[in-house]
Amino acid sequence: MASIMSARQVLRLGNRLSVRSYSSAVKHEGARNVKRLGVIGAGQMGLGIALVAAMKAQVPVTLVDSSQKSLDKGLVFADTLLAKQVAKEKLTQSQADAARALLLPTTSLDALHEADFVIEAVPEIPSLKFELFSRLASIAPSHAVLATNTSSISITRIAAATQDTSKPLDTSASSRVVATHFMNPVPVQKGVEIISGLQTSPTTLATAVSFVEKMGKIVSYSVDSPGFLANRILMPYINEAIICLESGVGDRDSIDAIMKNGTNVPMGPLQLADFIGLDTCLAIMNVLHTETGDSKYRPSVLLKNYVAAGWLGKKSGKGFYEYAQKK
């Protein structure tokens, strides 16, 4: 049976993996074993993960989405990003063509039967993720790492979805589940949170770290606690800014301007919320509020209303700001 780590052991192992003297040969052993990546979800996050893996790790990427329209839209976005990289002379045309050729779109989840590492990047809906991981346990090879890009849902619960309920001590699948929480937009942001569940094995953790680093990312470690590190800090900040707008403490422009000009952040909290997606912000706040039971994580009423109105931010054309929609 795969060994199981406590939260303290996860952080200790994470610190050991990040020590500079750690042998580069050992450090990337897991990454070398990843010959094919699978990514589920062709939205902005999934496409970004797939494209960076193709460019940096240079592995074939099976990109799965239930919607052919989403796949087509994602690949157009990939073409646009690659063209920009060539125009900025960060890639040659041949390198861009090689990366694009590594993206293999499909609507069939069964296509992941050859993947050595799978990253799920679907909407932050617990039941959807649980169903996916239950299916992945029987589709993906028995050695494959099963990673989730969740930004707030318990990794232990996601891992539990892979287990046969009649065999609760069998962790052959759940020990291969880990979180690789990429930041948006993936091609730009360097940081990735790595989170282990109770079932996650040291080998799974080490493989995830080495592959993410091969993608050119900088790893931070969190234990399996609601919101992890990034969103445990970021989302209450955004939510409080929305409450300030809701209660009339300041107007939109003043709220964003004081944070940009007073704390040197590149964009204010309301604009950032629009870029993240107000529905995503609400989903994460709901998880924080429900899982901790702490009223300080209560989502703003205004945030709920914007989501109910379909004003989701940049992706819908309207949030706290308005955005021109591409035809």
C-alpha atoms as a PDB file:
ATOM      1  CA  MET A   1       0.000   0.000   0.000  1.00  0.00           C
ATOM      2  CA  ALA A   2       1.314   3.468  -0.863  1.00  0.00           C
ATOM      3  CA  SER A   3       2.511   5.456   2.112  1.00  0.00           C
ATOM      4  CA  ILE A   4       0.397   8.379   3.304  1.00  0.00           C
ATOM      5  CA  MET A   5       1.808  11.698   4.487  1.00  0.00           C
ATOM      6  CA  SER A   6       0.656  14.039   7.216  1.00  0.00           C
ATOM      7  CA  ALA A   7       0.379  17.770   6.509  1.00  0.00           C
ATOM      8  CA  ARG A   8       3.674  18.389   8.288  1.00  0.00           C
ATOM      9  CA  GLN A   9       5.398  15.673   6.247  1.00  0.00           C
ATOM     10  CA  VAL A  10       4.076  17.230   3.024  1.00  0.00           C
ATOM     11  CA  LEU A  11       5.665  20.558   3.875  1.00  0.00           C
ATOM     12  CA  ARG A  12       8.909  18.912   4.977  1.00  0.00           C
ATOM     13  CA  LEU A  13       9.133  16.929   1.763  1.00  0.00           C
ATOM     14  CA  GLY A  14       8.281  20.038  -0.222  1.00  0.00           C
ATOM     15  CA  ASN A  15      11.098  21.915   1.457  1.00  0.00           C
ATOM     16  CA  ARG A  16      13.537  19.082   0.721  1.00  0.00           C
ATOM     17  CA  LEU A  17      12.470  19.009  -2.922  1.00  0.00           C
ATOM     18  CA  SER A  18      13.106  22.735  -3.226  1.00  0.00           C
ATOM     19  CA  VAL A  19      16.597  22.726  -1.701  1.00  0.00           C
ATOM     20  CA  ARG A  20      19.125  23.957  -4.285  1.00  0.00           C
ATOM     21  CA  SER A  21      21.553  21.104  -3.588  1.00  0.00           C
ATOM     22  CA  TYR A  22      18.914  18.545  -4.546  1.00  0.00           C
ATOM     23  CA  SER A  23      20.372  16.592  -7.480  1.00  0.00           C
ATOM     24  CA  SER A  24      18.958  17.837 -10.786  1.00  0.00           C
ATOM     25  CA  ALA A  25      19.110  14.278 -12.127  1.00  0.00           C
ATOM     26  CA  VAL A  26      16.895  13.037  -9.303  1.00  0.00           C
ATOM     27  CA  LYS A  27      14.787  16.178  -9.360  1.00  0.00           C
ATOM     28  CA  HIS A  28      13.686  15.628 -12.959  1.00  0.00           C
ATOM     29  CA  GLU A  29      13.496  11.825 -12.913  1.00  0.00           C
ATOM     30  CA  GLY A  30       9.720  11.992 -12.541  1.00  0.00           C
ATOM     31  CA  ALA A  31       9.430  14.569 -15.314  1.00  0.00           C
ATOM     32  CA  ARG A  32      11.414  12.363 -17.696  1.00  0.00           C
ATOM     33  CA  ASN A  33       8.910   9.573 -17.076  1.00  0.00           C
ATOM     34  CA  VAL A  34       6.102  11.816 -18.320  1.00  0.00           C
ATOM     35  CA  LYS A  35       6.027  11.022 -22.030  1.00  0.00           C
ATOM     36  CA  ARG A  36       2.462  12.197 -22.621  1.00  0.00           C
ATOM     37  CA  LEU A  37       0.331  14.720 -20.749  1.00  0.00           C
ATOM     38  CA  GLY A  38      -3.447  14.795 -20.634  1.00  0.00           C
ATOM     39  CA  VAL A  39      -5.356  18.011 -19.909  1.00  0.00           C
ATOM     40  CA  ILE A  40      -9.107  18.017 -19.287  1.00  0.00           C
ATOM     41  CA  GLY A  41     -10.821  21.291 -20.135  1.00  0.00           C
ATOM     42  CA  ALA A  42     -10.023  23.543 -23.093  1.00  0.00           C
ATOM     43  CA  GLY A  43     -10.941  26.810 -21.400  1.00  0.00           C
ATOM     44  CA  GLN A  44      -8.448  29.532 -20.597  1.00  0.00           C
ATOM     45  CA  MET A  45      -6.772  27.574 -17.790  1.00  0.00           C
ATOM     46  CA  GLY A  46      -6.681  24.188 -19.487  1.00  0.00           C
ATOM     47  CA  LEU A  47      -5.498  25.585 -22.799  1.00  0.00           C
ATOM     48  CA  GLY A  48      -2.824  27.625 -21.006  1.00  0.00           C
ATOM     49  CA  ILE A  49      -1.544  24.551 -19.161  1.00  0.00           C
ATOM     50  CA  ALA A  50      -1.523  22.472 -22.345  1.00  0.00           C
ATOM     51  CA  LEU A  51       0.272  25.148 -24.359  1.00  0.00           C
ATOM     52  CA  VAL A  52       2.976  25.794 -21.748  1.00  0.00           C
ATOM     53  CA  ALA A  53       3.568  22.045 -21.410  1.00  0.00           C
ATOM     54  CA  ALA A  54       3.969  21.785 -25.184  1.00  0.00           C
ATOM     55  CA  MET A  55       6.328  24.780 -25.332  1.00  0.00           C
ATOM     56  CA  LYS A  56       8.433  24.145 -22.238  1.00  0.00           C
ATOM     57  CA  ALA A  57       8.228  20.424 -21.417  1.00  0.00           C
ATOM     58  CA  GLN A  58       7.890  19.566 -25.117  1.00  0.00           C
ATOM     59  CA  VAL A  59       5.612  16.577 -24.565  1.00  0.00           C
ATOM     60  CA  PRO A  60       2.530  15.582 -26.575  1.00  0.00           C
ATOM     61  CA  VAL A  61      -0.617  16.877 -24.890  1.00  0.00           C
ATOM     62  CA  THR A  62      -3.981  15.190 -25.275  1.00  0.00           C
ATOM     63  CA  LEU A  63      -6.441  18.062 -24.761  1.00  0.00           C
ATOM     64  CA  VAL A  64      -9.898  16.796 -23.803  1.00  0.00           C
ATOM     65  CA  ASP A  65     -13.137  18.749 -23.732  1.00  0.00           C
ATOM     66  CA  SER A  66     -16.707  17.529 -24.100  1.00  0.00           C
ATOM     67  CA  SER A  67     -17.399  20.462 -26.438  1.00  0.00           C
ATOM     68  CA  GLN A  68     -15.862  20.542 -29.919  1.00  0.00           C
ATOM     69  CA  LYS A  69     -16.663  24.266 -30.013  1.00  0.00           C
ATOM     70  CA  SER A  70     -14.562  24.819 -26.894  1.00  0.00           C
ATOM     71  CA  LEU A  71     -11.696  22.836 -28.396  1.00  0.00           C
ATOM     72  CA  ASP A  72     -11.826  24.855 -31.602  1.00  0.00           C
ATOM     73  CA  LYS A  73     -11.941  28.136 -29.677  1.00  0.00           C
ATOM     74  CA  GLY A  74      -9.048  27.027 -27.477  1.00  0.00           C
ATOM     75  CA  LEU A  75      -6.849  26.106 -30.420  1.00  0.00           C
ATOM     76  CA  VAL A  76      -7.518  29.469 -32.075  1.00  0.00           C
ATOM     77  CA  PHE A  77      -6.401  31.070 -28.812  1.00  0.00           C
ATOM     78  CA  ALA A  78      -3.274  28.885 -28.852  1.00  0.00           C
ATOM     79  CA  ASP A  79      -2.480  30.019 -32.388  1.00  0.00           C
ATOM     80  CA  THR A  80      -2.852  33.647 -31.302  1.00  0.00           C
ATOM     81  CA  LEU A  81      -0.551  33.215 -28.307  1.00  0.00           C
ATOM     82  CA  LEU A  82       2.087  31.410 -30.356  1.00  0.00           C
ATOM     83  CA  ALA A  83       1.980  34.117 -33.024  1.00  0.00           C
ATOM     84  CA  LYS A  84       2.578  36.734 -30.327  1.00  0.00           C
ATOM     85  CA  GLN A  85       5.548  34.767 -29.003  1.00  0.00           C
ATOM     86  CA  VAL A  86       7.040  34.656 -32.498  1.00  0.00           C
ATOM     87  CA  ALA A  87       6.397  38.370 -33.043  1.00  0.00           C
ATOM     88  CA  LYS A  88       8.203  39.157 -29.774  1.00  0.00           C
ATOM     89  CA  GLU A  89      11.056  36.872 -30.868  1.00  0.00           C
ATOM     90  CA  LYS A  90      10.589  34.665 -27.805  1.00  0.00           C
ATOM     91  CA  LEU A  91      10.014  31.697 -30.113  1.00  0.00           C
ATOM     92  CA  THR A  92      11.078  30.935 -33.656  1.00  0.00           C
ATOM     93  CA  GLN A  93       8.373  30.002 -36.136  1.00  0.00           C
ATOM     94  CA  SER A  94       9.664  26.418 -36.181  1.00  0.00           C
ATOM     95  CA  GLN A  95       9.469  26.227 -32.379  1.00  0.00           C
ATOM     96  CA  ALA A  96       5.924  27.589 -32.435  1.00  0.00           C
ATOM     97  CA  ASP A  97       4.938  25.081 -35.126  1.00  0.00           C
ATOM     98  CA  ALA A  98       6.481  22.233 -33.102  1.00  0.00           C
ATOM     99  CA  ALA A  99       4.579  23.261 -29.955  1.00  0.00           C
ATOM    100  CA  ARG A 100       1.307  23.556 -31.862  1.00  0.00           C
ATOM    101  CA  ALA A 101       1.779  20.111 -33.366  1.00  0.00           C
ATOM    102  CA  LEU A 102       2.015  18.628 -29.865  1.00  0.00           C
ATOM    103  CA  LEU A 103      -1.558  19.714 -29.010  1.00  0.00           C
ATOM    104  CA  LEU A 104      -3.891  16.801 -29.765  1.00  0.00           C
ATOM    105  CA  PRO A 105      -7.571  17.748 -29.272  1.00  0.00           C
ATOM    106  CA  THR A 106     -10.328  15.224 -28.620  1.00  0.00           C
ATOM    107  CA  THR A 107     -13.807  15.031 -27.120  1.00  0.00           C
ATOM    108  CA  SER A 108     -13.158  11.524 -25.754  1.00  0.00           C
ATOM    109  CA  LEU A 109     -11.996  11.079 -22.159  1.00  0.00           C
ATOM    110  CA  ASP A 110     -10.952   7.542 -23.108  1.00  0.00           C
ATOM    111  CA  ALA A 111      -8.091   9.071 -25.114  1.00  0.00           C
ATOM    112  CA  LEU A 112      -6.269   9.507 -21.798  1.00  0.00           C
ATOM    113  CA  HIS A 113      -5.571   5.781 -21.584  1.00  0.00           C
ATOM    114  CA  GLU A 114      -1.941   6.441 -22.610  1.00  0.00           C
ATOM    115  CA  ALA A 115      -1.278   9.556 -20.503  1.00  0.00           C
ATOM    116  CA  ASP A 116       1.456   9.451 -17.854  1.00  0.00           C
ATOM    117  CA  PHE A 117       0.204  12.595 -16.152  1.00  0.00           C
ATOM    118  CA  VAL A 118      -3.307  14.077 -16.280  1.00  0.00           C
ATOM    119  CA  ILE A 119      -4.274  17.599 -15.202  1.00  0.00           C
ATOM    120  CA  GLU A 120      -7.963  18.359 -14.738  1.00  0.00           C
ATOM    121  CA  ALA A 121      -8.967  21.992 -15.364  1.00  0.00           C
ATOM    122  CA  VAL A 122     -12.767  22.021 -15.407  1.00  0.00           C
ATOM    123  CA  PRO A 123     -15.071  24.487 -13.566  1.00  0.00           C
ATOM    124  CA  GLU A 124     -14.888  24.624  -9.767  1.00  0.00           C
ATOM    125  CA  ILE A 125     -17.884  22.320  -9.215  1.00  0.00           C
ATOM    126  CA  PRO A 126     -17.182  19.562  -6.661  1.00  0.00           C
ATOM    127  CA  SER A 127     -19.573  16.989  -8.132  1.00  0.00           C
ATOM    128  CA  LEU A 128     -18.078  17.455 -11.607  1.00  0.00           C
ATOM    129  CA  LYS A 129     -14.536  16.920 -10.354  1.00  0.00           C
ATOM    130  CA  PHE A 130     -15.516  13.900  -8.245  1.00  0.00           C
ATOM    131  CA  GLU A 131     -17.187  12.241 -11.250  1.00  0.00           C
ATOM    132  CA  LEU A 132     -14.180  12.940 -13.478  1.00  0.00           C
ATOM    133  CA  PHE A 133     -11.674  11.465 -11.041  1.00  0.00           C
ATOM    134  CA  SER A 134     -13.845   8.412 -10.494  1.00  0.00           C
ATOM    135  CA  ARG A 135     -13.690   7.816 -14.250  1.00  0.00           C
ATOM    136  CA  LEU A 136      -9.985   8.640 -14.515  1.00  0.00           C
ATOM    137  CA  ALA A 137      -9.165   5.914 -11.990  1.00  0.00           C
ATOM    138  CA  SER A 138     -10.295   3.313 -14.510  1.00  0.00           C
ATOM    139  CA  ILE A 139      -9.230   5.076 -17.743  1.00  0.00           C
ATOM    140  CA  ALA A 140      -5.709   6.344 -17.053  1.00  0.00           C
ATOM    141  CA  PRO A 141      -2.783   3.902 -16.693  1.00  0.00           C
ATOM    142  CA  SER A 142      -2.129   2.554 -13.200  1.00  0.00           C
ATOM    143  CA  HIS A 143       1.094   4.588 -12.954  1.00  0.00           C
ATOM    144  CA  ALA A 144      -0.376   7.914 -14.093  1.00  0.00           C
ATOM    145  CA  VAL A 145      -0.401  10.943 -11.807  1.00  0.00           C
ATOM    146  CA  LEU A 146      -3.926  12.354 -11.550  1.00  0.00           C
ATOM    147  CA  ALA A 147      -3.666  16.086 -10.878  1.00  0.00           C
ATOM    148  CA  THR A 148      -6.371  18.654 -10.307  1.00  0.00           C
ATOM    149  CA  ASN A 149      -6.122  22.376 -10.950  1.00  0.00           C
ATOM    150  CA  THR A 150      -8.715  23.077  -8.265  1.00  0.00           C
ATOM    151  CA  SER A 151      -8.289  26.392  -6.513  1.00  0.00           C
ATOM    152  CA  SER A 152     -10.201  25.544  -3.356  1.00  0.00           C
ATOM    153  CA  ILE A 153     -11.781  22.046  -3.216  1.00  0.00           C
ATOM    154  CA  SER A 154     -10.298  19.470  -0.827  1.00  0.00           C
ATOM    155  CA  ILE A 155      -7.721  17.235  -2.503  1.00  0.00           C
ATOM    156  CA  THR A 156      -8.500  14.480  -0.004  1.00  0.00           C
ATOM    157  CA  ARG A 157     -12.144  14.490  -1.131  1.00  0.00           C
ATOM    158  CA  ILE A 158     -11.183  14.488  -4.818  1.00  0.00           C
ATOM    159  CA  ALA A 159      -8.776  11.605  -4.208  1.00  0.00           C
ATOM    160  CA  ALA A 160     -11.485   9.688  -2.334  1.00  0.00           C
ATOM    161  CA  ALA A 161     -13.610   9.769  -5.494  1.00  0.00           C
ATOM    162  CA  THR A 162     -11.104   7.397  -7.141  1.00  0.00           C
ATOM    163  CA  GLN A 163     -11.500   4.718  -4.465  1.00  0.00           C
ATOM    164  CA  ASP A 164     -13.649   1.623  -4.529  1.00  0.00           C
ATOM    165  CA  THR A 165     -15.975   2.181  -1.554  1.00  0.00           C
ATOM    166  CA  SER A 166     -15.839  -1.533  -0.777  1.00  0.00           C
ATOM    167  CA  LYS A 167     -12.047  -1.269  -0.366  1.00  0.00           C
ATOM    168  CA  PRO A 168     -11.419   1.898   1.687  1.00  0.00           C
ATOM    169  CA  LEU A 169      -7.815   0.902   2.462  1.00  0.00           C
ATOM    170  CA  ASP A 170      -6.871   0.476  -1.191  1.00  0.00           C
ATOM    171  CA  THR A 171      -5.027   3.686  -2.107  1.00  0.00           C
ATOM    172  CA  SER A 172      -3.603   2.456  -5.424  1.00  0.00           C
ATOM    173  CA  ALA A 173      -5.527   5.191  -7.255  1.00  0.00           C
ATOM    174  CA  SER A 174      -6.021   7.838  -4.565  1.00  0.00           C
ATOM    175  CA  SER A 175      -2.282   7.887  -3.754  1.00  0.00           C
ATOM    176  CA  ARG A 176      -1.699   9.204  -7.285  1.00  0.00           C
ATOM    177  CA  VAL A 177      -3.938  12.259  -6.818  1.00  0.00           C
ATOM    178  CA  VAL A 178      -2.359  15.668  -6.204  1.00  0.00           C
ATOM    179  CA  ALA A 179      -3.204  19.318  -6.884  1.00  0.00           C
ATOM    180  CA  THR A 180      -1.208  21.434  -9.300  1.00  0.00           C
ATOM    181  CA  HIS A 181      -2.896  24.817  -8.951  1.00  0.00           C
ATOM    182  CA  PHE A 182      -1.663  26.998 -11.812  1.00  0.00           C
ATOM    183  CA  MET A 183      -2.167  30.753 -11.752  1.00  0.00           C
ATOM    184  CA  ASN A 184      -4.038  32.656 -14.457  1.00  0.00           C
ATOM    185  CA  PRO A 185      -2.915  33.416 -17.153  1.00  0.00           C
ATOM    186  CA  VAL A 186      -0.759  30.301 -17.200  1.00  0.00           C
ATOM    187  CA  PRO A 187       1.670  31.430 -19.931  1.00  0.00           C
ATOM    188  CA  VAL A 188       2.503  34.550 -17.871  1.00  0.00           C
ATOM    189  CA  GLN A 189       2.291  33.642 -14.191  1.00  0.00           C
ATOM    190  CA  LYS A 190       5.219  31.641 -12.809  1.00  0.00           C
ATOM    191  CA  GLY A 191       3.683  30.361  -9.580  1.00  0.00           C
ATOM    192  CA  VAL A 192       2.051  26.960  -9.039  1.00  0.00           C
ATOM    193  CA  GLU A 193       0.669  25.689  -5.750  1.00  0.00           C
ATOM    194  CA  ILE A 194       1.242  22.002  -5.035  1.00  0.00           C
ATOM    195  CA  ILE A 195      -1.205  20.486  -2.559  1.00  0.00           C
ATOM    196  CA  SER A 196      -1.282  16.899  -1.309  1.00  0.00           C
ATOM    197  CA  GLY A 197      -4.291  15.086   0.067  1.00  0.00           C
ATOM    198  CA  LEU A 198      -4.082  12.622   2.941  1.00  0.00           C
ATOM    199  CA  GLN A 199      -3.691   9.810   0.400  1.00  0.00           C
ATOM    200  CA  THR A 200      -1.028  11.414  -1.842  1.00  0.00           C
ATOM    201  CA  SER A 201       2.209   9.414  -1.960  1.00  0.00           C
ATOM    202  CA  PRO A 202       5.711  10.955  -1.818  1.00  0.00           C
ATOM    203  CA  THR A 203       6.381   9.633  -5.323  1.00  0.00           C
ATOM    204  CA  THR A 204       3.301  11.389  -6.686  1.00  0.00           C
ATOM    205  CA  LEU A 205       4.304  14.638  -5.015  1.00  0.00           C
ATOM    206  CA  ALA A 206       7.877  14.428  -6.318  1.00  0.00           C
ATOM    207  CA  THR A 207       6.706  13.671  -9.863  1.00  0.00           C
ATOM    208  CA  ALA A 208       4.271  16.588  -9.807  1.00  0.00           C
ATOM    209  CA  VAL A 209       6.958  18.978  -8.586  1.00  0.00           C
ATOM    210  CA  SER A 210       9.514  17.870 -11.162  1.00  0.00           C
ATOM    211  CA  PHE A 211       7.076  18.069 -14.075  1.00  0.00           C
ATOM    212  CA  VAL A 212       5.730  21.489 -13.079  1.00  0.00           C
ATOM    213  CA  GLU A 213       9.299  22.758 -12.799  1.00  0.00           C
ATOM    214  CA  LYS A 214      10.055  21.324 -16.240  1.00  0.00           C
ATOM    215  CA  MET A 215       7.217  23.567 -17.431  1.00  0.00           C
ATOM    216  CA  GLY A 216       9.227  26.511 -16.116  1.00  0.00           C
ATOM    217  CA  LYS A 217       7.099  27.158 -13.035  1.00  0.00           C
ATOM    218  CA  ILE A 218       8.044  28.060  -9.456  1.00  0.00           C
ATOM    219  CA  VAL A 219       6.478  25.786  -6.840  1.00  0.00           C
ATOM    220  CA  SER A 220       4.926  26.706  -3.497  1.00  0.00           C
ATOM    221  CA  TYR A 221       3.529  24.102  -1.102  1.00  0.00           C
ATOM    222  CA  SER A 222       0.263  24.116   0.814  1.00  0.00           C
ATOM    223  CA  VAL A 223      -1.515  21.605   2.990  1.00  0.00           C
ATOM    224  CA  ASP A 224      -5.044  20.538   2.111  1.00  0.00           C
ATOM    225  CA  SER A 225      -6.949  23.385   3.765  1.00  0.00           C
ATOM    226  CA  PRO A 226      -9.853  25.358   2.208  1.00  0.00           C
ATOM    227  CA  GLY A 227      -8.556  27.835  -0.366  1.00  0.00           C
ATOM    228  CA  PHE A 228      -4.973  26.624   0.141  1.00  0.00           C
ATOM    229  CA  LEU A 229      -2.554  29.584   0.201  1.00  0.00           C
ATOM    230  CA  ALA A 230      -3.283  31.751  -2.827  1.00  0.00           C
ATOM    231  CA  ASN A 231      -7.060  31.941  -2.568  1.00  0.00           C
ATOM    232  CA  ARG A 232      -7.171  31.842   1.221  1.00  0.00           C
ATOM    233  CA  ILE A 233      -5.354  35.194   0.997  1.00  0.00           C
ATOM    234  CA  LEU A 234      -6.568  36.606  -2.334  1.00  0.00           C
ATOM    235  CA  MET A 235     -10.312  35.929  -2.335  1.00  0.00           C
ATOM    236  CA  PRO A 236     -11.169  37.589   1.004  1.00  0.00           C
ATOM    237  CA  TYR A 237      -9.238  40.643  -0.274  1.00  0.00           C
ATOM    238  CA  ILE A 238     -11.342  40.730  -3.440  1.00  0.00           C
ATOM    239  CA  ASN A 239     -14.551  40.017  -1.522  1.00  0.00           C
ATOM    240  CA  GLU A 240     -13.852  42.864   0.916  1.00  0.00           C
ATOM    241  CA  ALA A 241     -13.275  45.244  -1.994  1.00  0.00           C
ATOM    242  CA  ILE A 242     -16.692  44.261  -3.390  1.00  0.00           C
ATOM    243  CA  ILE A 243     -18.256  44.815   0.049  1.00  0.00           C
ATOM    244  CA  CYS A 244     -16.660  48.296   0.125  1.00  0.00           C
ATOM    245  CA  LEU A 245     -18.318  49.016  -3.242  1.00  0.00           C
ATOM    246  CA  GLU A 246     -21.608  47.483  -2.109  1.00  0.00           C
ATOM    247  CA  SER A 247     -21.737  49.521   1.108  1.00  0.00           C
ATOM    248  CA  GLY A 248     -20.601  52.792  -0.450  1.00  0.00           C
ATOM    249  CA  VAL A 249     -17.223  53.071   1.268  1.00  0.00           C
ATOM    250  CA  GLY A 250     -15.763  53.986  -2.138  1.00  0.00           C
ATOM    251  CA  ASP A 251     -16.594  53.871  -5.829  1.00  0.00           C
ATOM    252  CA  ARG A 252     -15.125  51.389  -8.283  1.00  0.00           C
ATOM    253  CA  ASP A 253     -12.366  53.605  -9.613  1.00  0.00           C
ATOM    254  CA  SER A 254     -11.269  54.784  -6.168  1.00  0.00           C
ATOM    255  CA  ILE A 255     -11.116  51.249  -4.785  1.00  0.00           C
ATOM    256  CA  ASP A 256      -8.950  50.006  -7.645  1.00  0.00           C
ATOM    257  CA  ALA A 257      -6.829  53.169  -7.820  1.00  0.00           C
ATOM    258  CA  ILE A 258      -5.831  53.189  -4.151  1.00  0.00           C
ATOM    259  CA  MET A 259      -4.688  49.569  -4.282  1.00  0.00           C
ATOM    260  CA  LYS A 260      -2.764  50.089  -7.543  1.00  0.00           C
ATOM    261  CA  ASN A 261      -1.177  53.362  -6.509  1.00  0.00           C
ATOM    262  CA  GLY A 262      -0.857  52.615  -2.814  1.00  0.00           C
ATOM    263  CA  THR A 263       0.340  49.002  -2.771  1.00  0.00           C
ATOM    264  CA  ASN A 264       1.995  48.729  -6.202  1.00  0.00           C
ATOM    265  CA  VAL A 265      -0.182  45.883  -7.478  1.00  0.00           C
ATOM    266  CA  PRO A 266      -0.637  45.788 -11.288  1.00  0.00           C
ATOM    267  CA  MET A 267      -4.444  45.930 -11.129  1.00  0.00           C
ATOM    268  CA  GLY A 268      -7.035  46.714  -8.508  1.00  0.00           C
ATOM    269  CA  PRO A 269      -9.177  44.031  -6.821  1.00  0.00           C
ATOM    270  CA  LEU A 270     -12.339  44.731  -8.828  1.00  0.00           C
ATOM    271  CA  GLN A 271     -10.553  44.572 -12.164  1.00  0.00           C
ATOM    272  CA  LEU A 272      -8.727  41.452 -11.017  1.00  0.00           C
ATOM    273  CA  ALA A 273     -12.051  39.858 -10.073  1.00  0.00           C
ATOM    274  CA  ASP A 274     -13.316  40.559 -13.587  1.00  0.00           C
ATOM    275  CA  PHE A 275     -10.263  38.864 -15.085  1.00  0.00           C
ATOM    276  CA  ILE A 276     -10.571  35.824 -12.803  1.00  0.00           C
ATOM    277  CA  GLY A 277     -14.312  35.563 -13.420  1.00  0.00           C
ATOM    278  CA  LEU A 278     -16.907  36.622 -10.861  1.00  0.00           C
ATOM    279  CA  ASP A 279     -18.490  33.166 -10.939  1.00  0.00           C
ATOM    280  CA  THR A 280     -15.121  31.644 -10.052  1.00  0.00           C
ATOM    281  CA  CYS A 281     -14.653  34.165  -7.227  1.00  0.00           C
ATOM    282  CA  LEU A 282     -18.097  33.307  -5.862  1.00  0.00           C
ATOM    283  CA  ALA A 283     -17.475  29.564  -6.098  1.00  0.00           C
ATOM    284  CA  ILE A 284     -14.242  29.883  -4.126  1.00  0.00           C
ATOM    285  CA  MET A 285     -15.815  32.134  -1.483  1.00  0.00           C
ATOM    286  CA  ASN A 286     -18.656  29.630  -1.102  1.00  0.00           C
ATOM    287  CA  VAL A 287     -16.131  26.828  -0.511  1.00  0.00           C
ATOM    288  CA  LEU A 288     -14.238  28.931   2.044  1.00  0.00           C
ATOM    289  CA  HIS A 289     -17.446  29.894   3.836  1.00  0.00           C
ATOM    290  CA  THR A 290     -18.931  26.391   3.822  1.00  0.00           C
ATOM    291  CA  GLU A 291     -15.772  24.473   4.688  1.00  0.00           C
ATOM    292  CA  THR A 292     -14.550  26.763   7.488  1.00  0.00           C
ATOM    293  CA  GLY A 293     -17.923  27.889   8.843  1.00  0.00           C
ATOM    294  CA  ASP A 294     -16.325  31.285   9.438  1.00  0.00           C
ATOM    295  CA  SER A 295     -18.534  34.322   8.692  1.00  0.00           C
ATOM    296  CA  LYS A 296     -15.520  36.348   7.560  1.00  0.00           C
ATOM    297  CA  TYR A 297     -15.682  34.344   4.318  1.00  0.00           C
ATOM    298  CA  ARG A 298     -19.341  35.192   3.607  1.00  0.00           C
ATOM    299  CA  PRO A 299     -19.603  36.145  -0.083  1.00  0.00           C
ATOM    300  CA  SER A 300     -20.677  39.689  -0.837  1.00  0.00           C
ATOM    301  CA  VAL A 301     -24.359  40.070  -1.755  1.00  0.00           C
ATOM    302  CA  LEU A 302     -23.301  42.238  -4.694  1.00  0.00           C
ATOM    303  CA  LEU A 303     -20.995  39.473  -5.950  1.00  0.00           C
ATOM    304  CA  LYS A 304     -23.883  37.002  -5.804  1.00  0.00           C
ATOM    305  CA  ASN A 305     -26.136  39.418  -7.690  1.00  0.00           C
ATOM    306  CA  TYR A 306     -23.603  40.058 -10.450  1.00  0.00           C
ATOM    307  CA  VAL A 307     -23.225  36.320 -11.003  1.00  0.00           C
ATOM    308  CA  ALA A 308     -27.001  35.848 -10.993  1.00  0.00           C
ATOM    309  CA  ALA A 309     -27.272  38.585 -13.636  1.00  0.00           C
ATOM    310  CA  GLY A 310     -24.690  36.837 -15.819  1.00  0.00           C
ATOM    311  CA  TRP A 311     -22.190  39.670 -15.351  1.00  0.00           C
ATOM    312  CA  LEU A 312     -19.171  37.425 -14.913  1.00  0.00           C
ATOM    313  CA  GLY A 313     -16.388  39.825 -15.852  1.00  0.00           C
ATOM    314  CA  LYS A 314     -14.197  39.927 -18.927  1.00  0.00           C
ATOM    315  CA  LYS A 315     -15.356  36.573 -20.310  1.00  0.00           C
ATOM    316  CA  SER A 316     -18.995  37.732 -20.474  1.00  0.00           C
ATOM    317  CA  GLY A 317     -18.222  41.292 -21.585  1.00  0.00           C
ATOM    318  CA  LYS A 318     -19.433  42.893 -18.366  1.00  0.00           C
ATOM    319  CA  GLY A 319     -18.517  42.782 -14.715  1.00  0.00           C
ATOM    320  CA  PHE A 320     -17.377  45.719 -12.658  1.00  0.00           C
ATOM    321  CA  TYR A 321     -16.048  47.021 -15.979  1.00  0.00           C
ATOM    322  CA  GLU A 322     -17.266  46.584 -19.539  1.00  0.00           C
ATOM    323  CA  TYR A 323     -15.228  44.799 -22.212  1.00  0.00           C
ATOM    324  CA  ALA A 324     -15.428  44.720 -25.990  1.00  0.00           C
ATOM    325  CA  GLN A 325     -16.422  41.279 -27.191  1.00  0.00           C
ATOM    326  CA  LYS A 326     -14.528  39.603 -30.017  1.00  0.00           C
ATOM    327  CA  LYS A 327     -16.721  38.686 -32.956  1.00  0.00           C
END
